[in-house]
N, C-alpha and C. Protein backbone atom coordinates (compact mmCIF):
# COMPACT_ATOMS: atom_id res chain seq x y z
N MET A 1 -173.27 91.50 -62.70
CA MET A 1 -172.13 91.88 -63.61
C MET A 1 -172.01 93.33 -63.93
N THR A 2 -170.70 93.74 -63.76
CA THR A 2 -170.26 94.91 -64.37
C THR A 2 -170.22 95.59 -66.02
N PHE A 3 -170.79 96.88 -66.46
CA PHE A 3 -170.81 96.47 -67.93
C PHE A 3 -169.36 97.67 -68.24
N ARG A 4 -168.92 96.49 -69.71
CA ARG A 4 -167.66 97.04 -69.82
C ARG A 4 -168.24 97.52 -71.05
N SER A 5 -167.89 98.44 -72.26
CA SER A 5 -168.24 99.22 -73.36
C SER A 5 -166.58 98.52 -73.62
N HIS A 6 -166.74 98.34 -75.21
CA HIS A 6 -166.08 97.69 -76.26
C HIS A 6 -166.12 98.33 -77.66
N MET A 7 -166.25 99.94 -76.65
CA MET A 7 -166.91 100.98 -78.08
C MET A 7 -164.68 101.61 -78.78
N ASP A 8 -164.00 101.19 -78.01
CA ASP A 8 -162.89 101.56 -77.94
C ASP A 8 -162.70 100.67 -79.54
N LEU A 9 -162.50 99.88 -78.80
CA LEU A 9 -162.35 98.54 -79.74
C LEU A 9 -162.16 98.55 -81.35
N ALA A 10 -163.89 98.91 -81.12
CA ALA A 10 -164.98 99.28 -82.53
C ALA A 10 -164.15 100.46 -82.93
N LEU A 11 -163.94 101.26 -82.18
CA LEU A 11 -163.09 102.69 -82.93
C LEU A 11 -161.49 102.58 -83.42
N ALA A 12 -161.12 101.67 -82.83
CA ALA A 12 -159.97 101.02 -83.67
C ALA A 12 -160.14 100.37 -84.70
N GLU A 13 -161.25 99.57 -84.64
CA GLU A 13 -161.53 98.55 -85.99
C GLU A 13 -161.52 100.04 -87.19
N ALA A 14 -162.58 100.76 -87.17
CA ALA A 14 -163.18 102.14 -87.42
C ALA A 14 -161.76 102.50 -88.20
N ARG A 15 -161.27 102.94 -87.33
CA ARG A 15 -159.85 103.97 -87.76
C ARG A 15 -159.01 103.14 -89.15
N ALA A 16 -159.22 101.35 -88.34
CA ALA A 16 -158.26 100.39 -89.50
C ALA A 16 -158.62 99.89 -91.02
N ALA A 17 -159.78 100.43 -91.21
CA ALA A 17 -161.14 99.94 -92.22
C ALA A 17 -160.24 102.02 -92.62
N GLN A 18 -160.55 103.17 -92.27
CA GLN A 18 -160.19 104.24 -93.24
C GLN A 18 -158.61 104.40 -93.43
N ALA A 19 -158.23 103.75 -92.37
CA ALA A 19 -156.53 103.16 -93.02
C ALA A 19 -156.50 102.06 -94.74
N ARG A 20 -157.38 101.40 -94.87
CA ARG A 20 -157.66 100.98 -96.12
C ARG A 20 -158.74 101.17 -96.97
N GLY A 21 -158.85 102.71 -96.74
CA GLY A 21 -159.27 103.52 -97.48
C GLY A 21 -161.11 102.89 -97.45
N GLU A 22 -161.57 102.92 -96.69
CA GLU A 22 -162.91 101.73 -96.68
C GLU A 22 -163.70 103.16 -95.52
N VAL A 23 -165.37 102.60 -95.46
CA VAL A 23 -165.75 104.29 -94.76
C VAL A 23 -165.96 102.97 -93.41
N PRO A 24 -164.66 104.27 -92.61
CA PRO A 24 -164.65 103.92 -90.67
C PRO A 24 -165.83 103.57 -90.47
N VAL A 25 -165.98 102.64 -90.59
CA VAL A 25 -166.95 101.32 -89.66
C VAL A 25 -166.27 100.24 -89.12
N GLY A 26 -165.94 100.18 -87.49
CA GLY A 26 -166.45 99.42 -86.74
C GLY A 26 -167.28 98.28 -86.01
N ALA A 27 -167.01 96.85 -85.91
CA ALA A 27 -167.84 96.05 -84.76
C ALA A 27 -167.33 95.70 -83.78
N VAL A 28 -167.42 94.84 -83.05
CA VAL A 28 -166.58 94.31 -82.00
C VAL A 28 -167.93 93.79 -81.21
N LEU A 29 -167.92 91.95 -81.03
CA LEU A 29 -168.99 90.63 -81.08
C LEU A 29 -168.51 90.41 -79.81
N VAL A 30 -169.22 90.13 -78.42
CA VAL A 30 -168.67 90.22 -77.05
C VAL A 30 -169.81 88.55 -76.48
N SER A 31 -169.32 87.69 -76.46
CA SER A 31 -170.17 85.70 -75.76
C SER A 31 -170.56 86.28 -74.72
N PRO A 32 -171.30 86.04 -74.05
CA PRO A 32 -172.75 86.10 -73.18
C PRO A 32 -171.20 86.40 -71.65
N ASP A 33 -170.52 85.92 -71.59
CA ASP A 33 -169.20 85.44 -70.92
C ASP A 33 -168.36 86.62 -70.71
N GLY A 34 -168.22 87.41 -71.71
CA GLY A 34 -167.31 88.49 -71.94
C GLY A 34 -166.29 88.46 -72.62
N ARG A 35 -166.44 87.34 -72.78
CA ARG A 35 -165.35 87.34 -74.53
C ARG A 35 -165.36 88.14 -75.07
N ILE A 36 -164.33 88.10 -76.96
CA ILE A 36 -164.40 89.30 -77.71
C ILE A 36 -164.22 87.69 -78.25
N VAL A 37 -165.40 87.49 -79.77
CA VAL A 37 -165.62 86.43 -80.05
C VAL A 37 -165.19 87.06 -81.77
N ALA A 38 -164.96 88.26 -81.95
CA ALA A 38 -165.02 88.13 -83.27
C ALA A 38 -165.00 90.20 -83.85
N GLN A 39 -163.72 90.79 -84.19
CA GLN A 39 -163.79 92.13 -84.49
C GLN A 39 -163.77 91.95 -85.82
N ALA A 40 -164.02 93.51 -86.51
CA ALA A 40 -164.51 93.72 -87.77
C ALA A 40 -164.67 95.13 -88.26
N GLY A 41 -163.50 95.75 -89.27
CA GLY A 41 -163.94 97.20 -89.71
C GLY A 41 -164.41 96.84 -91.72
N ASN A 42 -165.47 97.39 -91.51
CA ASN A 42 -165.86 97.66 -93.27
C ASN A 42 -164.44 97.41 -94.30
N ARG A 43 -164.71 96.25 -95.25
CA ARG A 43 -164.35 96.19 -95.97
C ARG A 43 -165.24 95.47 -97.67
N THR A 44 -165.52 96.47 -97.27
CA THR A 44 -166.43 95.85 -99.06
C THR A 44 -165.38 96.71 -100.14
N ARG A 45 -164.89 97.71 -100.41
CA ARG A 45 -163.94 97.59 -101.18
C ARG A 45 -163.00 96.32 -101.34
N GLU A 46 -162.11 96.20 -100.59
CA GLU A 46 -160.97 95.08 -100.25
C GLU A 46 -161.71 93.78 -100.96
N LEU A 47 -162.81 93.25 -100.48
CA LEU A 47 -163.51 92.54 -100.68
C LEU A 47 -164.78 92.59 -102.23
N SER A 48 -164.60 93.31 -102.95
CA SER A 48 -165.75 93.92 -103.86
C SER A 48 -166.88 92.73 -103.05
N ASP A 49 -167.65 93.48 -102.26
CA ASP A 49 -168.76 92.81 -101.68
C ASP A 49 -170.25 93.72 -101.08
N PRO A 50 -170.82 94.25 -101.43
CA PRO A 50 -171.26 95.03 -101.15
C PRO A 50 -171.98 94.61 -99.85
N THR A 51 -171.87 93.25 -98.62
CA THR A 51 -172.63 92.86 -97.62
C THR A 51 -171.57 92.87 -96.77
N ALA A 52 -170.00 93.14 -97.32
CA ALA A 52 -169.12 93.49 -96.71
C ALA A 52 -168.76 94.63 -95.52
N HIS A 53 -169.75 94.98 -94.66
CA HIS A 53 -169.57 96.26 -93.92
C HIS A 53 -169.40 95.39 -92.30
N ALA A 54 -168.79 95.36 -91.08
CA ALA A 54 -168.22 95.70 -89.87
C ALA A 54 -169.08 94.82 -89.52
N GLU A 55 -170.17 94.66 -89.36
CA GLU A 55 -171.50 93.95 -87.92
C GLU A 55 -171.33 92.77 -88.60
N VAL A 56 -171.95 92.55 -89.93
CA VAL A 56 -172.18 91.47 -91.64
C VAL A 56 -170.89 90.87 -90.99
N LEU A 57 -168.91 90.99 -91.07
CA LEU A 57 -167.80 90.77 -90.78
C LEU A 57 -167.85 89.66 -89.06
N VAL A 58 -168.75 90.72 -88.49
CA VAL A 58 -168.82 89.34 -87.37
C VAL A 58 -169.15 88.76 -87.69
N LEU A 59 -170.99 88.98 -87.51
CA LEU A 59 -171.45 87.72 -87.19
C LEU A 59 -171.39 86.66 -88.02
N ARG A 60 -170.88 86.97 -89.09
CA ARG A 60 -170.10 85.80 -90.26
C ARG A 60 -169.25 84.71 -89.35
N ALA A 61 -167.93 85.30 -88.66
CA ALA A 61 -166.71 85.41 -88.14
C ALA A 61 -167.43 84.28 -86.92
N ALA A 62 -168.48 85.33 -86.12
CA ALA A 62 -168.57 84.48 -84.61
C ALA A 62 -169.43 83.15 -85.62
N CYS A 63 -170.63 82.99 -85.77
CA CYS A 63 -171.29 81.74 -86.06
C CYS A 63 -170.54 80.84 -87.13
N ALA A 64 -169.34 80.66 -87.06
CA ALA A 64 -168.54 80.18 -88.17
C ALA A 64 -167.58 79.74 -86.60
N ALA A 65 -167.40 80.31 -85.78
CA ALA A 65 -166.66 80.04 -84.89
C ALA A 65 -167.30 78.93 -84.57
N ILE A 66 -168.18 79.29 -83.59
CA ILE A 66 -169.41 78.55 -82.27
C ILE A 66 -169.80 77.60 -83.50
N GLY A 67 -170.27 76.84 -84.58
CA GLY A 67 -171.17 75.98 -85.60
C GLY A 67 -172.10 76.57 -85.33
N SER A 68 -172.98 77.94 -86.04
CA SER A 68 -174.68 77.71 -84.88
C SER A 68 -174.89 79.43 -85.98
N GLU A 69 -175.66 78.99 -86.69
CA GLU A 69 -176.77 80.49 -87.60
C GLU A 69 -177.09 81.43 -86.55
N ARG A 70 -177.12 81.43 -85.26
CA ARG A 70 -177.44 81.96 -83.91
C ARG A 70 -176.77 82.28 -82.71
N LEU A 71 -177.27 83.70 -82.29
CA LEU A 71 -176.08 83.73 -81.29
C LEU A 71 -176.59 84.57 -80.01
N PRO A 72 -178.02 83.60 -79.61
CA PRO A 72 -178.62 84.59 -78.13
C PRO A 72 -177.94 84.67 -77.39
N GLY A 73 -177.69 86.42 -76.30
CA GLY A 73 -176.61 86.32 -75.40
C GLY A 73 -175.68 87.65 -75.88
N PHE A 74 -175.39 87.38 -77.27
CA PHE A 74 -173.82 88.29 -77.58
C PHE A 74 -175.03 89.39 -77.50
N ASP A 75 -173.32 90.22 -77.57
CA ASP A 75 -173.30 92.00 -77.74
C ASP A 75 -173.14 91.99 -78.67
N LEU A 76 -173.27 93.05 -79.43
CA LEU A 76 -172.82 93.67 -80.51
C LEU A 76 -171.67 95.35 -80.56
N TYR A 77 -171.07 95.60 -80.46
CA TYR A 77 -170.90 97.05 -80.45
C TYR A 77 -170.74 97.23 -81.84
N VAL A 78 -171.45 98.52 -82.60
CA VAL A 78 -170.62 98.75 -83.93
C VAL A 78 -170.32 100.60 -83.48
N THR A 79 -169.63 101.24 -84.11
CA THR A 79 -169.44 102.33 -84.88
C THR A 79 -170.59 103.12 -85.03
N LEU A 80 -171.09 103.39 -85.70
CA LEU A 80 -172.19 103.78 -86.29
C LEU A 80 -173.33 102.80 -86.70
N GLU A 81 -174.79 103.62 -86.08
CA GLU A 81 -175.61 102.90 -86.80
C GLU A 81 -176.06 102.10 -87.71
N PRO A 82 -176.33 100.41 -87.37
CA PRO A 82 -176.79 99.87 -88.64
C PRO A 82 -177.64 100.58 -89.74
N CYS A 83 -177.44 99.75 -90.77
CA CYS A 83 -178.43 99.66 -91.90
C CYS A 83 -179.17 98.83 -92.38
N THR A 84 -180.12 98.80 -93.18
CA THR A 84 -181.29 98.31 -92.91
C THR A 84 -180.83 96.61 -93.83
N ILE A 85 -179.19 96.61 -93.58
CA ILE A 85 -179.42 95.07 -94.46
C ILE A 85 -178.23 95.09 -92.88
N CYS A 86 -177.53 94.85 -92.14
CA CYS A 86 -177.09 95.46 -90.83
C CYS A 86 -178.08 95.06 -89.87
N ALA A 87 -179.16 95.46 -89.86
CA ALA A 87 -180.10 95.66 -88.84
C ALA A 87 -180.73 93.72 -88.86
N GLY A 88 -180.75 93.92 -90.30
CA GLY A 88 -181.82 92.49 -90.69
C GLY A 88 -181.07 91.60 -90.11
N ALA A 89 -179.66 91.21 -90.47
CA ALA A 89 -178.56 90.35 -90.12
C ALA A 89 -178.34 89.76 -88.93
N ILE A 90 -178.99 91.36 -87.77
CA ILE A 90 -178.31 91.35 -86.60
C ILE A 90 -179.63 90.47 -85.82
N ALA A 91 -180.69 90.55 -86.29
CA ALA A 91 -181.92 90.31 -85.50
C ALA A 91 -181.98 88.77 -86.11
N ALA A 92 -181.72 88.00 -86.98
CA ALA A 92 -181.67 86.88 -87.77
C ALA A 92 -180.45 86.13 -86.70
N ALA A 93 -179.76 86.99 -86.60
CA ALA A 93 -178.94 86.21 -85.74
C ALA A 93 -178.93 86.43 -84.26
N ARG A 94 -180.33 86.76 -83.93
CA ARG A 94 -180.56 86.51 -81.91
C ARG A 94 -179.66 87.56 -81.14
N ILE A 95 -178.97 88.70 -81.60
CA ILE A 95 -178.10 89.45 -81.05
C ILE A 95 -179.17 90.24 -79.90
N ALA A 96 -178.46 89.81 -78.90
CA ALA A 96 -179.52 89.98 -77.08
C ALA A 96 -179.41 92.10 -76.98
N ARG A 97 -178.23 91.89 -77.54
CA ARG A 97 -177.70 94.12 -77.29
C ARG A 97 -176.89 94.55 -77.97
N LEU A 98 -177.30 95.43 -79.20
CA LEU A 98 -177.20 95.81 -79.59
C LEU A 98 -176.33 97.55 -78.91
N TYR A 99 -175.24 97.80 -79.21
CA TYR A 99 -174.72 98.79 -78.84
C TYR A 99 -173.84 100.05 -79.91
N TYR A 100 -174.40 100.81 -80.48
CA TYR A 100 -173.29 101.74 -81.13
C TYR A 100 -173.98 103.26 -80.68
N GLY A 101 -172.49 104.24 -81.60
CA GLY A 101 -172.21 104.93 -81.24
C GLY A 101 -173.25 106.31 -82.25
N ALA A 102 -172.43 106.21 -83.74
CA ALA A 102 -173.31 107.52 -84.00
C ALA A 102 -174.94 107.51 -85.50
N SER A 103 -175.28 107.89 -84.98
CA SER A 103 -176.54 108.18 -86.06
C SER A 103 -176.22 108.18 -87.09
N ASP A 104 -176.69 107.56 -87.69
CA ASP A 104 -176.97 108.02 -89.24
C ASP A 104 -177.99 107.71 -90.66
N PRO A 105 -178.72 109.60 -89.92
CA PRO A 105 -180.02 109.87 -90.68
C PRO A 105 -180.35 109.28 -91.87
N LYS A 106 -179.03 109.18 -92.58
CA LYS A 106 -179.15 109.16 -94.37
C LYS A 106 -179.08 106.89 -94.75
N SER A 107 -178.60 106.92 -94.05
CA SER A 107 -178.12 105.10 -94.29
C SER A 107 -178.76 104.28 -92.96
N GLY A 108 -178.91 104.87 -92.25
CA GLY A 108 -178.96 103.31 -90.74
C GLY A 108 -181.03 102.91 -91.07
N GLY A 109 -180.89 101.95 -90.38
CA GLY A 109 -181.59 101.31 -90.55
C GLY A 109 -182.49 101.41 -89.55
N VAL A 110 -182.00 101.43 -87.82
CA VAL A 110 -182.42 101.03 -86.90
C VAL A 110 -183.47 102.20 -85.97
N ALA A 111 -182.42 103.19 -85.43
CA ALA A 111 -183.20 104.62 -85.25
C ALA A 111 -184.02 105.69 -87.05
N HIS A 112 -183.69 105.18 -88.30
CA HIS A 112 -183.77 105.84 -88.86
C HIS A 112 -184.55 104.44 -89.97
N GLY A 113 -184.49 105.79 -91.63
CA GLY A 113 -185.20 104.38 -92.64
C GLY A 113 -186.10 104.06 -92.45
N ALA A 114 -185.69 102.44 -92.65
CA ALA A 114 -186.70 101.47 -92.78
C ALA A 114 -187.01 100.60 -90.95
N ARG A 115 -186.43 101.08 -89.97
CA ARG A 115 -186.80 100.98 -88.26
C ARG A 115 -186.95 99.33 -88.71
N VAL A 116 -186.13 98.74 -88.80
CA VAL A 116 -185.73 97.59 -88.66
C VAL A 116 -186.71 96.65 -88.06
N PHE A 117 -186.05 96.67 -86.23
CA PHE A 117 -186.47 96.52 -85.48
C PHE A 117 -188.02 97.01 -84.73
N SER A 118 -188.43 98.27 -85.51
CA SER A 118 -189.78 98.89 -84.76
C SER A 118 -190.85 98.01 -86.17
N HIS A 119 -190.28 97.31 -86.92
CA HIS A 119 -191.25 97.07 -87.95
C HIS A 119 -192.19 96.31 -87.71
N PRO A 120 -193.76 95.94 -87.81
CA PRO A 120 -194.04 95.08 -87.40
C PRO A 120 -193.97 93.25 -87.68
N GLN A 121 -192.75 93.18 -88.80
CA GLN A 121 -192.69 91.73 -89.17
C GLN A 121 -191.01 91.52 -88.58
N ALA A 122 -190.48 92.87 -87.45
CA ALA A 122 -189.49 92.22 -86.93
C ALA A 122 -189.29 90.81 -86.02
N HIS A 123 -188.51 90.38 -86.23
CA HIS A 123 -188.85 87.99 -85.89
C HIS A 123 -187.77 88.50 -84.71
N HIS A 124 -186.95 88.98 -83.92
CA HIS A 124 -186.33 89.55 -83.05
C HIS A 124 -185.38 90.91 -82.69
N VAL A 125 -186.65 91.62 -81.94
CA VAL A 125 -185.47 93.06 -81.52
C VAL A 125 -184.57 93.52 -80.23
N PRO A 126 -183.58 93.08 -80.18
CA PRO A 126 -182.07 93.41 -79.35
C PRO A 126 -182.65 94.48 -78.15
N GLU A 127 -182.16 94.52 -77.19
CA GLU A 127 -181.86 95.85 -76.47
C GLU A 127 -181.10 96.85 -77.28
N ILE A 128 -181.36 98.26 -77.39
CA ILE A 128 -180.93 99.14 -78.73
C ILE A 128 -180.42 99.89 -77.81
N TYR A 129 -178.64 99.95 -77.69
CA TYR A 129 -178.28 101.82 -77.10
C TYR A 129 -177.54 102.12 -77.77
N ASP A 130 -178.18 103.72 -77.97
CA ASP A 130 -177.59 104.29 -78.98
C ASP A 130 -176.54 105.14 -78.57
N GLY A 131 -175.63 106.07 -79.22
CA GLY A 131 -174.70 107.40 -78.83
C GLY A 131 -173.87 107.03 -77.57
N ILE A 132 -173.65 105.15 -77.32
CA ILE A 132 -171.85 104.95 -77.01
C ILE A 132 -170.48 105.16 -78.02
N GLY A 133 -169.89 106.50 -77.66
CA GLY A 133 -168.36 106.95 -77.91
C GLY A 133 -168.80 107.50 -79.92
N ALA A 134 -170.57 108.13 -79.45
CA ALA A 134 -171.17 108.83 -80.17
C ALA A 134 -170.27 109.59 -81.28
N GLU A 135 -169.38 110.91 -80.42
CA GLU A 135 -168.28 111.94 -81.48
C GLU A 135 -167.52 112.02 -82.06
N ALA A 136 -166.96 110.21 -81.09
CA ALA A 136 -165.39 109.91 -82.03
C ALA A 136 -165.85 109.75 -83.48
N SER A 137 -167.23 108.37 -83.33
CA SER A 137 -167.54 107.90 -84.44
C SER A 137 -168.24 108.77 -86.04
N ALA A 138 -168.76 109.63 -85.16
CA ALA A 138 -168.40 110.37 -86.25
C ALA A 138 -168.11 111.86 -86.73
N SER A 139 -166.77 111.83 -85.76
CA SER A 139 -166.01 112.54 -86.16
C SER A 139 -164.88 111.60 -86.85
N LEU A 140 -164.69 110.57 -86.87
CA LEU A 140 -163.66 108.99 -88.17
C LEU A 140 -164.58 109.76 -89.11
N LEU A 141 -165.96 109.56 -88.84
CA LEU A 141 -167.02 109.53 -90.46
C LEU A 141 -166.67 111.60 -90.96
N LYS A 142 -167.25 111.92 -90.58
CA LYS A 142 -166.60 113.46 -91.18
C LYS A 142 -165.31 113.72 -91.67
N GLN A 143 -164.67 113.34 -90.76
CA GLN A 143 -163.05 113.68 -91.12
C GLN A 143 -163.02 112.39 -93.21
N PHE A 144 -163.63 111.26 -93.20
CA PHE A 144 -163.34 110.42 -93.97
C PHE A 144 -164.05 110.91 -95.30
N PHE A 145 -165.01 111.95 -95.03
CA PHE A 145 -165.81 112.24 -96.09
C PHE A 145 -165.56 112.93 -96.31
N ALA A 146 -164.43 114.33 -95.65
CA ALA A 146 -164.84 115.58 -96.08
C ALA A 146 -163.11 115.40 -96.83
N GLU A 147 -162.55 114.80 -96.70
CA GLU A 147 -161.13 114.67 -97.63
C GLU A 147 -161.16 113.88 -98.22
N ARG A 148 -161.90 112.95 -98.69
CA ARG A 148 -162.39 112.59 -100.39
C ARG A 148 -163.55 113.26 -101.03
N ARG A 149 -164.08 114.59 -100.30
CA ARG A 149 -165.04 115.66 -101.02
C ARG A 149 -163.37 116.83 -101.73
N SER A 150 -162.55 116.42 -100.65
CA SER A 150 -161.27 117.81 -100.97
C SER A 150 -160.56 117.48 -102.30
């Protein structure tokens, strides 16, 4: 099987989130047979829900669609290093592979902060691939926050 990145679609979701006034983070969930099962961008402000991160939204949609609380064999593409909440949800869903773009030294939960998957209590650890689309992802975030500060 040939690797095919879906980060471009995750970036499109991040841009759509930015257009809605949300922090520009996008996620795409891909089934073991390569089908895109769910895609979303952040909606925390729109839904008044602090857990409405792109990753959580795609996990919820996929689990509802297949009728299961677990997604073994699925791949998750996200434009930003998942936070602690999202990393916990990724573990609970049993995601097989996590691909993320930009690192998040301030709020990340994978390579920074809580390092959820490195913790002895981690009950599931996906394969992790970072830096895919990192420059484009980081650029979107920098632009978003620069506009907020000015």
